[in-house]
Amino acid sequence: MIYLDTGCLLKLYYPEPESAAVAELVADVAIALVALHELELSNALELKLFRKEAKPEQVRAVRDFVEADVRAGKLYRPALPWENVLSDSEQLARRYTRRIGCRSLDILHCSAARMLAAQSFVTTDGRQRRLAKAIGLDCPTI
């Protein structure tokens, strides 16, 4: 199982820079889909509507594609102990934020990936990549 930050997950379903590179990295691999992804993905799509970057039918299509991939097993909803993720994230914040400049959501994603023992963690965010590597996650370059 591979873990994508939400920006990379969105790139799989909505054309953006690096979409092709992300799709190539995750071909034939199960992708974790956790509650944090679902919230951020939903919000990102709504922001695309707000900014008039997408049409309602495009957003509906993205949501349909995501659900189809859940049903097909491409996106996997693993059980995740959120209390443990939050506790771990606080420890990561205290240890790394002053050196790396991590944002809370970046830390939560890295912690979730670590808790799930993801094979790799995919992000296009430099600071998040530095944190992921610092805590032992494999981070392929996009």
N, C-alpha and C. Protein backbone atom coordinates (compact mmCIF):
# COMPACT_ATOMS: atom_id res chain seq x y z
N MET A 1 0.84 -1.18 0.00
CA MET A 1 0.00 0.00 0.00
C MET A 1 0.88 1.24 0.00
N ILE A 2 0.47 2.22 -0.78
CA ILE A 2 1.19 3.48 -0.91
C ILE A 2 0.30 4.60 -0.32
N TYR A 3 0.93 5.63 0.20
CA TYR A 3 0.20 6.75 0.80
C TYR A 3 0.54 8.01 0.02
N LEU A 4 -0.47 8.69 -0.47
CA LEU A 4 -0.30 9.95 -1.18
C LEU A 4 -0.81 11.09 -0.31
N ASP A 5 -0.10 12.21 -0.30
CA ASP A 5 -0.71 13.37 0.34
C ASP A 5 -1.90 13.76 -0.54
N THR A 6 -2.79 14.56 -0.02
CA THR A 6 -4.03 14.85 -0.74
C THR A 6 -3.78 15.57 -2.05
N GLY A 7 -2.78 16.42 -2.12
CA GLY A 7 -2.47 17.09 -3.37
C GLY A 7 -2.15 16.10 -4.48
N CYS A 8 -1.40 15.06 -4.15
CA CYS A 8 -1.07 14.03 -5.14
C CYS A 8 -2.28 13.15 -5.43
N LEU A 9 -3.08 12.89 -4.43
CA LEU A 9 -4.30 12.11 -4.66
C LEU A 9 -5.21 12.85 -5.63
N LEU A 10 -5.36 14.13 -5.45
CA LEU A 10 -6.19 14.93 -6.35
C LEU A 10 -5.65 14.87 -7.78
N LYS A 11 -4.34 14.86 -7.93
CA LYS A 11 -3.73 14.81 -9.26
C LYS A 11 -4.10 13.53 -10.02
N LEU A 12 -4.47 12.48 -9.30
CA LEU A 12 -4.91 11.25 -9.97
C LEU A 12 -6.28 11.40 -10.63
N TYR A 13 -7.09 12.31 -10.11
CA TYR A 13 -8.48 12.40 -10.55
C TYR A 13 -8.84 13.72 -11.24
N TYR A 14 -7.98 14.68 -11.11
CA TYR A 14 -8.22 15.98 -11.73
C TYR A 14 -6.91 16.42 -12.38
N PRO A 15 -6.92 16.73 -13.68
CA PRO A 15 -5.67 17.04 -14.36
C PRO A 15 -4.99 18.28 -13.79
N GLU A 16 -3.76 18.08 -13.35
CA GLU A 16 -2.93 19.15 -12.80
C GLU A 16 -1.49 18.84 -13.19
N PRO A 17 -0.59 19.82 -12.99
CA PRO A 17 0.81 19.50 -13.23
C PRO A 17 1.21 18.27 -12.39
N GLU A 18 2.00 17.44 -12.91
CA GLU A 18 2.51 16.21 -12.29
C GLU A 18 1.49 15.07 -12.23
N SER A 19 0.28 15.25 -12.79
CA SER A 19 -0.72 14.18 -12.76
C SER A 19 -0.19 12.90 -13.38
N ALA A 20 0.45 13.01 -14.53
CA ALA A 20 0.96 11.81 -15.22
C ALA A 20 2.04 11.13 -14.40
N ALA A 21 2.92 11.90 -13.79
CA ALA A 21 4.00 11.33 -12.98
C ALA A 21 3.44 10.58 -11.76
N VAL A 22 2.43 11.17 -11.12
CA VAL A 22 1.82 10.51 -9.96
C VAL A 22 1.13 9.23 -10.40
N ALA A 23 0.40 9.28 -11.50
CA ALA A 23 -0.30 8.09 -12.00
C ALA A 23 0.69 6.97 -12.31
N GLU A 24 1.81 7.32 -12.87
CA GLU A 24 2.83 6.30 -13.18
C GLU A 24 3.39 5.67 -11.91
N LEU A 25 3.60 6.48 -10.89
CA LEU A 25 4.14 5.96 -9.62
C LEU A 25 3.21 4.97 -8.93
N VAL A 26 1.92 5.17 -9.07
CA VAL A 26 0.97 4.36 -8.30
C VAL A 26 0.28 3.27 -9.12
N ALA A 27 0.72 3.10 -10.35
CA ALA A 27 0.11 2.07 -11.19
C ALA A 27 0.23 0.71 -10.52
N ASP A 28 -0.87 -0.01 -10.46
CA ASP A 28 -0.90 -1.38 -9.92
C ASP A 28 -0.55 -1.48 -8.44
N VAL A 29 -0.76 -0.42 -7.67
CA VAL A 29 -0.50 -0.43 -6.24
C VAL A 29 -1.74 0.08 -5.52
N ALA A 30 -2.12 -0.57 -4.42
CA ALA A 30 -3.24 -0.08 -3.62
C ALA A 30 -2.83 1.24 -2.96
N ILE A 31 -3.77 2.17 -2.90
CA ILE A 31 -3.53 3.50 -2.34
C ILE A 31 -4.41 3.68 -1.11
N ALA A 32 -3.80 4.12 -0.01
CA ALA A 32 -4.56 4.38 1.21
C ALA A 32 -5.47 5.58 1.01
N LEU A 33 -6.69 5.46 1.51
CA LEU A 33 -7.65 6.56 1.50
C LEU A 33 -8.21 6.66 2.92
N VAL A 34 -7.76 7.68 3.65
CA VAL A 34 -8.19 7.85 5.04
C VAL A 34 -9.14 9.03 5.14
N ALA A 35 -9.75 9.18 6.29
CA ALA A 35 -10.74 10.25 6.49
C ALA A 35 -10.16 11.63 6.20
N LEU A 36 -8.90 11.84 6.52
CA LEU A 36 -8.26 13.13 6.25
C LEU A 36 -8.21 13.40 4.75
N HIS A 37 -7.90 12.37 3.97
CA HIS A 37 -7.93 12.52 2.51
C HIS A 37 -9.32 12.93 2.04
N GLU A 38 -10.31 12.24 2.55
CA GLU A 38 -11.67 12.48 2.08
C GLU A 38 -12.12 13.91 2.38
N LEU A 39 -11.79 14.41 3.57
CA LEU A 39 -12.11 15.79 3.91
C LEU A 39 -11.37 16.76 3.00
N GLU A 40 -10.07 16.58 2.88
CA GLU A 40 -9.27 17.51 2.07
C GLU A 40 -9.62 17.43 0.59
N LEU A 41 -9.88 16.25 0.08
CA LEU A 41 -10.26 16.10 -1.32
C LEU A 41 -11.59 16.79 -1.59
N SER A 42 -12.55 16.58 -0.71
CA SER A 42 -13.85 17.22 -0.86
C SER A 42 -13.70 18.74 -0.84
N ASN A 43 -12.92 19.24 0.10
CA ASN A 43 -12.73 20.68 0.21
C ASN A 43 -11.99 21.24 -1.01
N ALA A 44 -10.98 20.51 -1.50
CA ALA A 44 -10.25 20.96 -2.69
C ALA A 44 -11.16 21.06 -3.90
N LEU A 45 -12.06 20.09 -4.04
CA LEU A 45 -13.00 20.13 -5.17
C LEU A 45 -13.98 21.29 -5.03
N GLU A 46 -14.45 21.53 -3.82
CA GLU A 46 -15.35 22.66 -3.59
C GLU A 46 -14.64 23.98 -3.85
N LEU A 47 -13.36 24.06 -3.48
CA LEU A 47 -12.59 25.27 -3.77
C LEU A 47 -12.43 25.47 -5.27
N LYS A 48 -12.27 24.39 -6.03
CA LYS A 48 -12.19 24.52 -7.48
C LYS A 48 -13.48 25.10 -8.04
N LEU A 49 -14.61 24.71 -7.45
CA LEU A 49 -15.89 25.30 -7.87
C LEU A 49 -15.97 26.77 -7.48
N PHE A 50 -15.58 27.08 -6.26
CA PHE A 50 -15.61 28.45 -5.76
C PHE A 50 -14.74 29.37 -6.63
N ARG A 51 -13.56 28.87 -7.00
CA ARG A 51 -12.62 29.67 -7.81
C ARG A 51 -12.94 29.62 -9.31
N LYS A 52 -13.99 28.87 -9.63
CA LYS A 52 -14.41 28.69 -11.03
C LYS A 52 -13.31 28.02 -11.87
N GLU A 53 -12.55 27.14 -11.24
CA GLU A 53 -11.53 26.35 -11.92
C GLU A 53 -12.09 25.03 -12.45
N ALA A 54 -13.30 24.68 -11.98
CA ALA A 54 -13.94 23.44 -12.40
C ALA A 54 -15.44 23.67 -12.49
N LYS A 55 -16.07 22.83 -13.27
CA LYS A 55 -17.53 22.87 -13.41
C LYS A 55 -18.14 21.78 -12.54
N PRO A 56 -19.38 21.96 -12.11
CA PRO A 56 -20.01 20.95 -11.25
C PRO A 56 -19.94 19.53 -11.82
N GLU A 57 -20.10 19.40 -13.13
CA GLU A 57 -20.06 18.05 -13.73
C GLU A 57 -18.65 17.45 -13.63
N GLN A 58 -17.61 18.27 -13.66
CA GLN A 58 -16.25 17.76 -13.48
C GLN A 58 -16.05 17.24 -12.06
N VAL A 59 -16.56 17.99 -11.09
CA VAL A 59 -16.43 17.59 -9.70
C VAL A 59 -17.21 16.30 -9.45
N ARG A 60 -18.42 16.21 -10.02
CA ARG A 60 -19.20 14.97 -9.88
C ARG A 60 -18.44 13.80 -10.47
N ALA A 61 -17.82 14.01 -11.61
CA ALA A 61 -17.06 12.94 -12.27
C ALA A 61 -15.88 12.49 -11.39
N VAL A 62 -15.19 13.44 -10.79
CA VAL A 62 -14.08 13.09 -9.90
C VAL A 62 -14.59 12.25 -8.74
N ARG A 63 -15.68 12.69 -8.12
CA ARG A 63 -16.24 11.93 -6.99
C ARG A 63 -16.63 10.52 -7.43
N ASP A 64 -17.22 10.39 -8.61
CA ASP A 64 -17.61 9.08 -9.14
C ASP A 64 -16.39 8.20 -9.38
N PHE A 65 -15.32 8.78 -9.94
CA PHE A 65 -14.09 8.02 -10.20
C PHE A 65 -13.47 7.53 -8.89
N VAL A 66 -13.47 8.39 -7.88
CA VAL A 66 -12.92 8.00 -6.57
C VAL A 66 -13.71 6.82 -6.01
N GLU A 67 -15.02 6.92 -6.01
CA GLU A 67 -15.85 5.83 -5.48
C GLU A 67 -15.68 4.55 -6.29
N ALA A 68 -15.53 4.67 -7.59
CA ALA A 68 -15.30 3.49 -8.44
C ALA A 68 -13.98 2.82 -8.05
N ASP A 69 -12.95 3.62 -7.77
CA ASP A 69 -11.67 3.05 -7.37
C ASP A 69 -11.72 2.44 -5.97
N VAL A 70 -12.57 2.98 -5.10
CA VAL A 70 -12.77 2.35 -3.78
C VAL A 70 -13.41 0.97 -3.99
N ARG A 71 -14.47 0.93 -4.79
CA ARG A 71 -15.14 -0.36 -5.05
C ARG A 71 -14.22 -1.37 -5.72
N ALA A 72 -13.33 -0.88 -6.59
CA ALA A 72 -12.42 -1.78 -7.30
C ALA A 72 -11.21 -2.19 -6.45
N GLY A 73 -11.04 -1.56 -5.29
CA GLY A 73 -9.91 -1.90 -4.43
C GLY A 73 -8.64 -1.12 -4.72
N LYS A 74 -8.67 -0.23 -5.70
CA LYS A 74 -7.50 0.60 -5.99
C LYS A 74 -7.24 1.57 -4.83
N LEU A 75 -8.32 2.15 -4.32
CA LEU A 75 -8.25 2.97 -3.11
C LEU A 75 -8.73 2.11 -1.95
N TYR A 76 -7.94 2.07 -0.91
CA TYR A 76 -8.19 1.19 0.23
C TYR A 76 -8.42 2.04 1.48
N ARG A 77 -9.53 1.78 2.17
CA ARG A 77 -9.84 2.52 3.40
C ARG A 77 -9.41 1.69 4.62
N PRO A 78 -8.17 1.84 5.05
CA PRO A 78 -7.70 1.06 6.21
C PRO A 78 -8.21 1.65 7.51
N ALA A 79 -8.30 0.80 8.52
CA ALA A 79 -8.63 1.29 9.86
C ALA A 79 -7.41 2.07 10.37
N LEU A 80 -7.67 3.19 10.97
CA LEU A 80 -6.57 4.03 11.45
C LEU A 80 -6.95 4.58 12.82
N PRO A 81 -6.14 4.32 13.84
CA PRO A 81 -6.43 4.83 15.19
C PRO A 81 -6.08 6.32 15.28
N TRP A 82 -7.06 7.18 15.05
CA TRP A 82 -6.80 8.61 14.96
C TRP A 82 -6.25 9.21 16.25
N GLU A 83 -6.63 8.66 17.40
CA GLU A 83 -6.04 9.16 18.64
C GLU A 83 -4.54 8.97 18.64
N ASN A 84 -4.09 7.83 18.15
CA ASN A 84 -2.65 7.55 18.06
C ASN A 84 -1.98 8.45 17.03
N VAL A 85 -2.65 8.67 15.91
CA VAL A 85 -2.10 9.55 14.87
C VAL A 85 -1.93 10.96 15.42
N LEU A 86 -2.94 11.45 16.13
CA LEU A 86 -2.86 12.81 16.69
C LEU A 86 -1.76 12.92 17.74
N SER A 87 -1.64 11.91 18.58
CA SER A 87 -0.60 11.92 19.60
C SER A 87 0.79 11.88 18.97
N ASP A 88 0.96 11.01 17.98
CA ASP A 88 2.23 10.91 17.27
C ASP A 88 2.53 12.22 16.55
N SER A 89 1.51 12.83 15.95
CA SER A 89 1.69 14.08 15.22
C SER A 89 2.17 15.20 16.13
N GLU A 90 1.65 15.23 17.33
CA GLU A 90 2.10 16.26 18.28
C GLU A 90 3.58 16.07 18.60
N GLN A 91 3.99 14.82 18.78
CA GLN A 91 5.41 14.55 19.04
C GLN A 91 6.28 14.94 17.84
N LEU A 92 5.78 14.64 16.64
CA LEU A 92 6.53 15.02 15.44
C LEU A 92 6.63 16.54 15.32
N ALA A 93 5.57 17.23 15.64
CA ALA A 93 5.58 18.70 15.58
C ALA A 93 6.65 19.26 16.52
N ARG A 94 6.70 18.74 17.72
CA ARG A 94 7.68 19.23 18.69
C ARG A 94 9.11 18.93 18.25
N ARG A 95 9.29 17.82 17.57
CA ARG A 95 10.63 17.41 17.18
C ARG A 95 11.10 18.07 15.87
N TYR A 96 10.18 18.27 14.91
CA TYR A 96 10.62 18.65 13.57
C TYR A 96 10.17 20.03 13.07
N THR A 97 9.07 20.56 13.57
CA THR A 97 8.53 21.78 12.97
C THR A 97 9.51 22.95 13.04
N ARG A 98 10.19 23.13 14.13
CA ARG A 98 11.11 24.27 14.23
C ARG A 98 12.28 24.16 13.26
N ARG A 99 12.61 22.93 12.82
CA ARG A 99 13.71 22.75 11.86
C ARG A 99 13.23 22.75 10.42
N ILE A 100 12.03 22.18 10.19
CA ILE A 100 11.57 21.97 8.82
C ILE A 100 10.47 22.97 8.41
N GLY A 101 9.70 23.45 9.38
CA GLY A 101 8.60 24.37 9.07
C GLY A 101 7.35 23.64 8.62
N CYS A 102 7.10 22.48 9.19
CA CYS A 102 5.95 21.64 8.81
C CYS A 102 4.62 22.29 9.17
N ARG A 103 3.62 22.02 8.34
CA ARG A 103 2.25 22.41 8.66
C ARG A 103 1.56 21.23 9.33
N SER A 104 0.54 21.52 10.11
CA SER A 104 -0.15 20.47 10.87
C SER A 104 -0.68 19.36 9.97
N LEU A 105 -1.31 19.71 8.85
CA LEU A 105 -1.87 18.68 7.98
C LEU A 105 -0.76 17.83 7.36
N ASP A 106 0.37 18.42 7.06
CA ASP A 106 1.50 17.65 6.53
C ASP A 106 1.97 16.62 7.57
N ILE A 107 2.03 17.05 8.80
CA ILE A 107 2.45 16.15 9.89
C ILE A 107 1.44 15.03 10.05
N LEU A 108 0.15 15.36 10.02
CA LEU A 108 -0.88 14.32 10.15
C LEU A 108 -0.76 13.27 9.06
N HIS A 109 -0.54 13.71 7.82
CA HIS A 109 -0.39 12.74 6.72
C HIS A 109 0.83 11.85 6.93
N CYS A 110 1.95 12.44 7.32
CA CYS A 110 3.16 11.64 7.54
C CYS A 110 2.96 10.64 8.67
N SER A 111 2.34 11.07 9.73
CA SER A 111 2.07 10.18 10.85
C SER A 111 1.13 9.05 10.43
N ALA A 112 0.07 9.38 9.70
CA ALA A 112 -0.87 8.36 9.24
C ALA A 112 -0.16 7.34 8.37
N ALA A 113 0.68 7.80 7.46
CA ALA A 113 1.41 6.88 6.58
C ALA A 113 2.32 5.97 7.39
N ARG A 114 2.96 6.53 8.38
CA ARG A 114 3.84 5.72 9.23
C ARG A 114 3.04 4.69 10.02
N MET A 115 1.91 5.10 10.59
CA MET A 115 1.07 4.18 11.36
C MET A 115 0.55 3.03 10.49
N LEU A 116 0.33 3.33 9.22
CA LEU A 116 -0.18 2.30 8.30
C LEU A 116 0.95 1.47 7.68
N ALA A 117 2.18 1.80 8.02
CA ALA A 117 3.35 1.11 7.46
C ALA A 117 3.30 1.12 5.93
N ALA A 118 3.01 2.28 5.37
CA ALA A 118 2.93 2.44 3.91
C ALA A 118 4.28 2.13 3.28
N GLN A 119 4.24 1.50 2.10
CA GLN A 119 5.48 1.18 1.38
C GLN A 119 6.21 2.45 0.98
N SER A 120 5.46 3.46 0.61
CA SER A 120 6.06 4.74 0.28
C SER A 120 5.05 5.87 0.48
N PHE A 121 5.57 7.06 0.53
CA PHE A 121 4.79 8.27 0.77
C PHE A 121 5.06 9.21 -0.39
N VAL A 122 4.00 9.64 -1.08
CA VAL A 122 4.17 10.47 -2.27
C VAL A 122 3.66 11.88 -1.99
N THR A 123 4.52 12.85 -2.21
CA THR A 123 4.18 14.26 -2.03
C THR A 123 4.99 15.10 -2.99
N THR A 124 4.46 16.25 -3.34
CA THR A 124 5.22 17.21 -4.13
C THR A 124 5.67 18.39 -3.27
N ASP A 125 5.35 18.33 -1.99
CA ASP A 125 5.70 19.40 -1.05
C ASP A 125 7.07 19.12 -0.44
N GLY A 126 7.99 20.04 -0.62
CA GLY A 126 9.36 19.85 -0.15
C GLY A 126 9.49 19.66 1.35
N ARG A 127 8.78 20.46 2.13
CA ARG A 127 8.88 20.33 3.58
C ARG A 127 8.29 19.01 4.05
N GLN A 128 7.16 18.65 3.46
CA GLN A 128 6.52 17.39 3.84
C GLN A 128 7.44 16.21 3.49
N ARG A 129 8.09 16.30 2.33
CA ARG A 129 9.04 15.25 1.94
C ARG A 129 10.18 15.14 2.94
N ARG A 130 10.70 16.29 3.38
CA ARG A 130 11.80 16.28 4.37
C ARG A 130 11.34 15.61 5.67
N LEU A 131 10.13 15.92 6.11
CA LEU A 131 9.61 15.28 7.33
C LEU A 131 9.43 13.79 7.11
N ALA A 132 8.83 13.41 5.99
CA ALA A 132 8.59 11.99 5.72
C ALA A 132 9.91 11.21 5.74
N LYS A 133 10.92 11.75 5.09
CA LYS A 133 12.23 11.08 5.08
C LYS A 133 12.83 11.02 6.48
N ALA A 134 12.66 12.11 7.25
CA ALA A 134 13.22 12.16 8.60
C ALA A 134 12.62 11.09 9.52
N ILE A 135 11.37 10.69 9.25
CA ILE A 135 10.74 9.68 10.10
C ILE A 135 10.79 8.29 9.46
N GLY A 136 11.58 8.16 8.41
CA GLY A 136 11.82 6.85 7.84
C GLY A 136 10.91 6.39 6.73
N LEU A 137 10.12 7.30 6.17
CA LEU A 137 9.25 6.92 5.06
C LEU A 137 10.02 7.01 3.74
N ASP A 138 9.76 6.07 2.85
CA ASP A 138 10.34 6.11 1.51
C ASP A 138 9.54 7.13 0.70
N CYS A 139 10.23 8.08 0.08
CA CYS A 139 9.57 9.15 -0.69
C CYS A 139 10.12 9.21 -2.10
N PRO A 140 9.44 8.58 -3.04
CA PRO A 140 9.92 8.67 -4.42
C PRO A 140 9.81 10.11 -4.92
N THR A 141 10.70 10.49 -5.79
CA THR A 141 10.69 11.83 -6.37
C THR A 141 9.77 11.86 -7.57
N ILE A 142 8.98 12.90 -7.65
CA ILE A 142 8.06 13.08 -8.77
C ILE A 142 8.67 14.06 -9.74
